[in-house]
Amino acid sequence: GIERDYRDESSDRAIVAAFGAAGLFGLLLSGEAGSTAFGLVCRELERVDSGYRSTLMAQEALVLFPIHAFGDDQQRSR
């Protein structure tokens, strides 16, 4: 689990996939949550493992935002 990932400096793709299933990716872009809510999600992830928090933030800032801002409709829907 997460404790092993922290100790071994690794990450489990299934956990990251669960973030998506829970709707955590794109929280800021969807309008369903504001910056405060996103910050609270990140804070809770940080309490468990900073690597998973970093994964969420990197996906939001480096992947999802550029697609939202500069991608076409097909890219956004995917």
N, C-alpha and C. Protein backbone atom coordinates (compact mmCIF):
# COMPACT_ATOMS: atom_id res chain seq x y z
N GLY A 1 0.79 -1.18 0.00
CA GLY A 1 0.00 0.00 0.00
C GLY A 1 0.85 1.27 0.00
N ILE A 2 0.25 2.31 0.43
CA ILE A 2 0.89 3.62 0.40
C ILE A 2 2.11 3.67 1.31
N GLU A 3 2.05 3.01 2.46
CA GLU A 3 3.21 3.00 3.37
C GLU A 3 4.41 2.36 2.70
N ARG A 4 4.18 1.27 1.98
CA ARG A 4 5.27 0.59 1.26
C ARG A 4 5.81 1.50 0.15
N ASP A 5 4.90 2.16 -0.56
CA ASP A 5 5.32 3.08 -1.62
C ASP A 5 6.21 4.17 -1.07
N TYR A 6 5.83 4.72 0.08
CA TYR A 6 6.63 5.78 0.71
C TYR A 6 8.01 5.25 1.06
N ARG A 7 8.04 4.10 1.70
CA ARG A 7 9.31 3.50 2.13
C ARG A 7 10.20 3.15 0.94
N ASP A 8 9.59 2.62 -0.12
CA ASP A 8 10.36 2.17 -1.30
C ASP A 8 10.55 3.25 -2.35
N GLU A 9 10.04 4.46 -2.08
CA GLU A 9 10.11 5.57 -3.03
C GLU A 9 9.55 5.17 -4.39
N SER A 10 8.35 4.60 -4.36
CA SER A 10 7.69 4.19 -5.59
C SER A 10 6.24 4.66 -5.54
N SER A 11 5.51 4.42 -6.62
CA SER A 11 4.10 4.76 -6.63
C SER A 11 3.34 3.66 -7.35
N ASP A 12 2.09 3.53 -7.01
CA ASP A 12 1.23 2.50 -7.55
C ASP A 12 0.25 3.15 -8.53
N ARG A 13 0.30 2.74 -9.77
CA ARG A 13 -0.59 3.32 -10.78
C ARG A 13 -2.06 3.13 -10.45
N ALA A 14 -2.37 2.05 -9.72
CA ALA A 14 -3.77 1.81 -9.34
C ALA A 14 -4.27 2.90 -8.40
N ILE A 15 -3.40 3.39 -7.53
CA ILE A 15 -3.80 4.47 -6.63
C ILE A 15 -4.03 5.75 -7.42
N VAL A 16 -3.14 6.02 -8.37
CA VAL A 16 -3.30 7.21 -9.20
C VAL A 16 -4.58 7.09 -10.04
N ALA A 17 -4.86 5.89 -10.55
CA ALA A 17 -6.10 5.68 -11.30
C ALA A 17 -7.32 5.91 -10.41
N ALA A 18 -7.19 5.55 -9.13
CA ALA A 18 -8.29 5.78 -8.19
C ALA A 18 -8.55 7.27 -7.99
N PHE A 19 -7.50 8.09 -8.10
CA PHE A 19 -7.69 9.55 -8.05
C PHE A 19 -8.65 9.97 -9.16
N GLY A 20 -8.41 9.43 -10.36
CA GLY A 20 -9.28 9.76 -11.49
C GLY A 20 -10.70 9.27 -11.28
N ALA A 21 -10.83 8.05 -10.78
CA ALA A 21 -12.16 7.50 -10.52
C ALA A 21 -12.91 8.31 -9.48
N ALA A 22 -12.17 8.89 -8.54
CA ALA A 22 -12.78 9.71 -7.49
C ALA A 22 -13.05 11.14 -7.96
N GLY A 23 -12.63 11.46 -9.18
CA GLY A 23 -12.87 12.80 -9.71
C GLY A 23 -11.88 13.84 -9.23
N LEU A 24 -10.71 13.41 -8.77
CA LEU A 24 -9.74 14.37 -8.26
C LEU A 24 -8.98 15.10 -9.36
N PHE A 25 -8.81 14.46 -10.52
CA PHE A 25 -8.14 15.14 -11.62
C PHE A 25 -9.09 16.12 -12.28
N GLY A 26 -8.65 17.33 -12.47
CA GLY A 26 -9.46 18.35 -13.12
C GLY A 26 -10.42 19.07 -12.18
N LEU A 27 -10.21 18.93 -10.89
CA LEU A 27 -11.10 19.61 -9.93
C LEU A 27 -11.18 21.11 -10.19
N LEU A 28 -10.06 21.72 -10.44
CA LEU A 28 -10.05 23.17 -10.66
C LEU A 28 -10.69 23.55 -11.99
N LEU A 29 -10.51 22.70 -12.98
CA LEU A 29 -11.02 23.03 -14.31
C LEU A 29 -12.50 22.75 -14.45
N SER A 30 -13.01 21.82 -13.69
CA SER A 30 -14.41 21.43 -13.82
C SER A 30 -15.36 22.45 -13.22
N GLY A 31 -14.84 23.29 -12.34
CA GLY A 31 -15.69 24.25 -11.66
C GLY A 31 -16.41 23.65 -10.47
N GLU A 32 -16.19 22.35 -10.22
CA GLU A 32 -16.85 21.68 -9.10
C GLU A 32 -16.20 22.02 -7.77
N ALA A 33 -14.97 22.47 -7.83
CA ALA A 33 -14.25 22.81 -6.59
C ALA A 33 -13.42 24.05 -6.84
N GLY A 34 -13.33 24.87 -5.84
CA GLY A 34 -12.49 26.05 -5.94
C GLY A 34 -11.07 25.75 -5.48
N SER A 35 -10.28 26.78 -5.45
CA SER A 35 -8.88 26.63 -5.05
C SER A 35 -8.75 26.11 -3.62
N THR A 36 -9.64 26.55 -2.75
CA THR A 36 -9.57 26.10 -1.36
C THR A 36 -9.84 24.61 -1.26
N ALA A 37 -10.85 24.13 -1.95
CA ALA A 37 -11.16 22.70 -1.94
C ALA A 37 -10.01 21.89 -2.52
N PHE A 38 -9.45 22.36 -3.63
CA PHE A 38 -8.31 21.66 -4.22
C PHE A 38 -7.14 21.64 -3.25
N GLY A 39 -6.90 22.76 -2.59
CA GLY A 39 -5.83 22.82 -1.59
C GLY A 39 -6.06 21.85 -0.45
N LEU A 40 -7.29 21.69 -0.03
CA LEU A 40 -7.59 20.75 1.05
C LEU A 40 -7.37 19.31 0.60
N VAL A 41 -7.74 19.00 -0.63
CA VAL A 41 -7.46 17.66 -1.17
C VAL A 41 -5.96 17.41 -1.17
N CYS A 42 -5.21 18.39 -1.66
CA CYS A 42 -3.74 18.25 -1.69
C CYS A 42 -3.17 18.11 -0.29
N ARG A 43 -3.71 18.85 0.63
CA ARG A 43 -3.22 18.77 2.02
C ARG A 43 -3.43 17.37 2.59
N GLU A 44 -4.59 16.80 2.33
CA GLU A 44 -4.86 15.45 2.83
C GLU A 44 -3.96 14.41 2.17
N LEU A 45 -3.72 14.56 0.87
CA LEU A 45 -2.79 13.64 0.20
C LEU A 45 -1.38 13.80 0.76
N GLU A 46 -0.98 15.02 1.02
CA GLU A 46 0.35 15.31 1.58
C GLU A 46 0.53 14.64 2.93
N ARG A 47 -0.53 14.56 3.70
CA ARG A 47 -0.44 13.92 5.02
C ARG A 47 -0.08 12.45 4.89
N VAL A 48 -0.44 11.84 3.76
CA VAL A 48 -0.17 10.42 3.54
C VAL A 48 1.17 10.23 2.83
N ASP A 49 1.33 10.92 1.69
CA ASP A 49 2.55 10.75 0.90
C ASP A 49 2.68 11.93 -0.05
N SER A 50 3.77 12.66 0.06
CA SER A 50 3.94 13.85 -0.78
C SER A 50 4.08 13.51 -2.25
N GLY A 51 4.52 12.30 -2.56
CA GLY A 51 4.64 11.89 -3.96
C GLY A 51 3.30 11.85 -4.66
N TYR A 52 2.30 11.33 -3.98
CA TYR A 52 0.97 11.28 -4.57
C TYR A 52 0.37 12.68 -4.69
N ARG A 53 0.63 13.55 -3.73
CA ARG A 53 0.19 14.93 -3.84
C ARG A 53 0.86 15.61 -5.03
N SER A 54 2.15 15.37 -5.19
CA SER A 54 2.87 15.94 -6.32
C SER A 54 2.32 15.43 -7.64
N THR A 55 1.95 14.17 -7.69
CA THR A 55 1.37 13.60 -8.90
C THR A 55 0.08 14.32 -9.27
N LEU A 56 -0.79 14.52 -8.29
CA LEU A 56 -2.05 15.22 -8.54
C LEU A 56 -1.80 16.64 -9.03
N MET A 57 -0.90 17.35 -8.36
CA MET A 57 -0.64 18.74 -8.73
C MET A 57 0.02 18.85 -10.11
N ALA A 58 0.95 17.94 -10.41
CA ALA A 58 1.61 17.97 -11.72
C ALA A 58 0.62 17.69 -12.83
N GLN A 59 -0.27 16.72 -12.63
CA GLN A 59 -1.28 16.42 -13.65
C GLN A 59 -2.19 17.63 -13.88
N GLU A 60 -2.56 18.27 -12.80
CA GLU A 60 -3.46 19.43 -12.89
C GLU A 60 -2.77 20.59 -13.65
N ALA A 61 -1.53 20.90 -13.23
CA ALA A 61 -0.85 22.09 -13.76
C ALA A 61 -0.15 21.85 -15.10
N LEU A 62 0.43 20.67 -15.28
CA LEU A 62 1.27 20.44 -16.46
C LEU A 62 0.59 19.65 -17.56
N VAL A 63 -0.53 19.03 -17.26
CA VAL A 63 -1.23 18.24 -18.27
C VAL A 63 -2.63 18.79 -18.53
N LEU A 64 -3.45 18.81 -17.50
CA LEU A 64 -4.86 19.17 -17.69
C LEU A 64 -5.06 20.63 -18.05
N PHE A 65 -4.38 21.54 -17.37
CA PHE A 65 -4.56 22.96 -17.69
C PHE A 65 -4.13 23.27 -19.13
N PRO A 66 -2.94 22.82 -19.59
CA PRO A 66 -2.59 23.12 -20.98
C PRO A 66 -3.57 22.53 -22.00
N ILE A 67 -4.09 21.32 -21.74
CA ILE A 67 -5.07 20.75 -22.65
C ILE A 67 -6.33 21.60 -22.64
N HIS A 68 -6.76 22.00 -21.46
CA HIS A 68 -7.96 22.84 -21.34
C HIS A 68 -7.77 24.19 -22.03
N ALA A 69 -6.59 24.78 -21.84
CA ALA A 69 -6.34 26.12 -22.37
C ALA A 69 -6.01 26.13 -23.86
N PHE A 70 -5.30 25.10 -24.34
CA PHE A 70 -4.78 25.16 -25.70
C PHE A 70 -5.21 24.00 -26.59
N GLY A 71 -5.86 23.00 -26.01
CA GLY A 71 -6.27 21.83 -26.80
C GLY A 71 -7.55 22.07 -27.57
N ASP A 72 -7.80 21.15 -28.49
CA ASP A 72 -9.06 21.25 -29.23
C ASP A 72 -10.15 20.46 -28.49
N ASP A 73 -11.36 20.51 -28.99
CA ASP A 73 -12.49 19.87 -28.31
C ASP A 73 -12.28 18.36 -28.17
N GLN A 74 -11.70 17.74 -29.18
CA GLN A 74 -11.48 16.29 -29.12
C GLN A 74 -10.49 15.96 -27.99
N GLN A 75 -9.43 16.72 -27.87
CA GLN A 75 -8.46 16.49 -26.80
C GLN A 75 -9.09 16.72 -25.43
N ARG A 76 -9.89 17.74 -25.32
CA ARG A 76 -10.53 18.03 -24.03
C ARG A 76 -11.50 16.93 -23.62
N SER A 77 -12.25 16.41 -24.57
CA SER A 77 -13.23 15.37 -24.23
C SER A 77 -12.54 14.06 -23.84
N ARG A 78 -11.38 13.82 -24.39
CA ARG A 78 -10.64 12.60 -24.06
C ARG A 78 -10.10 12.72 -22.65
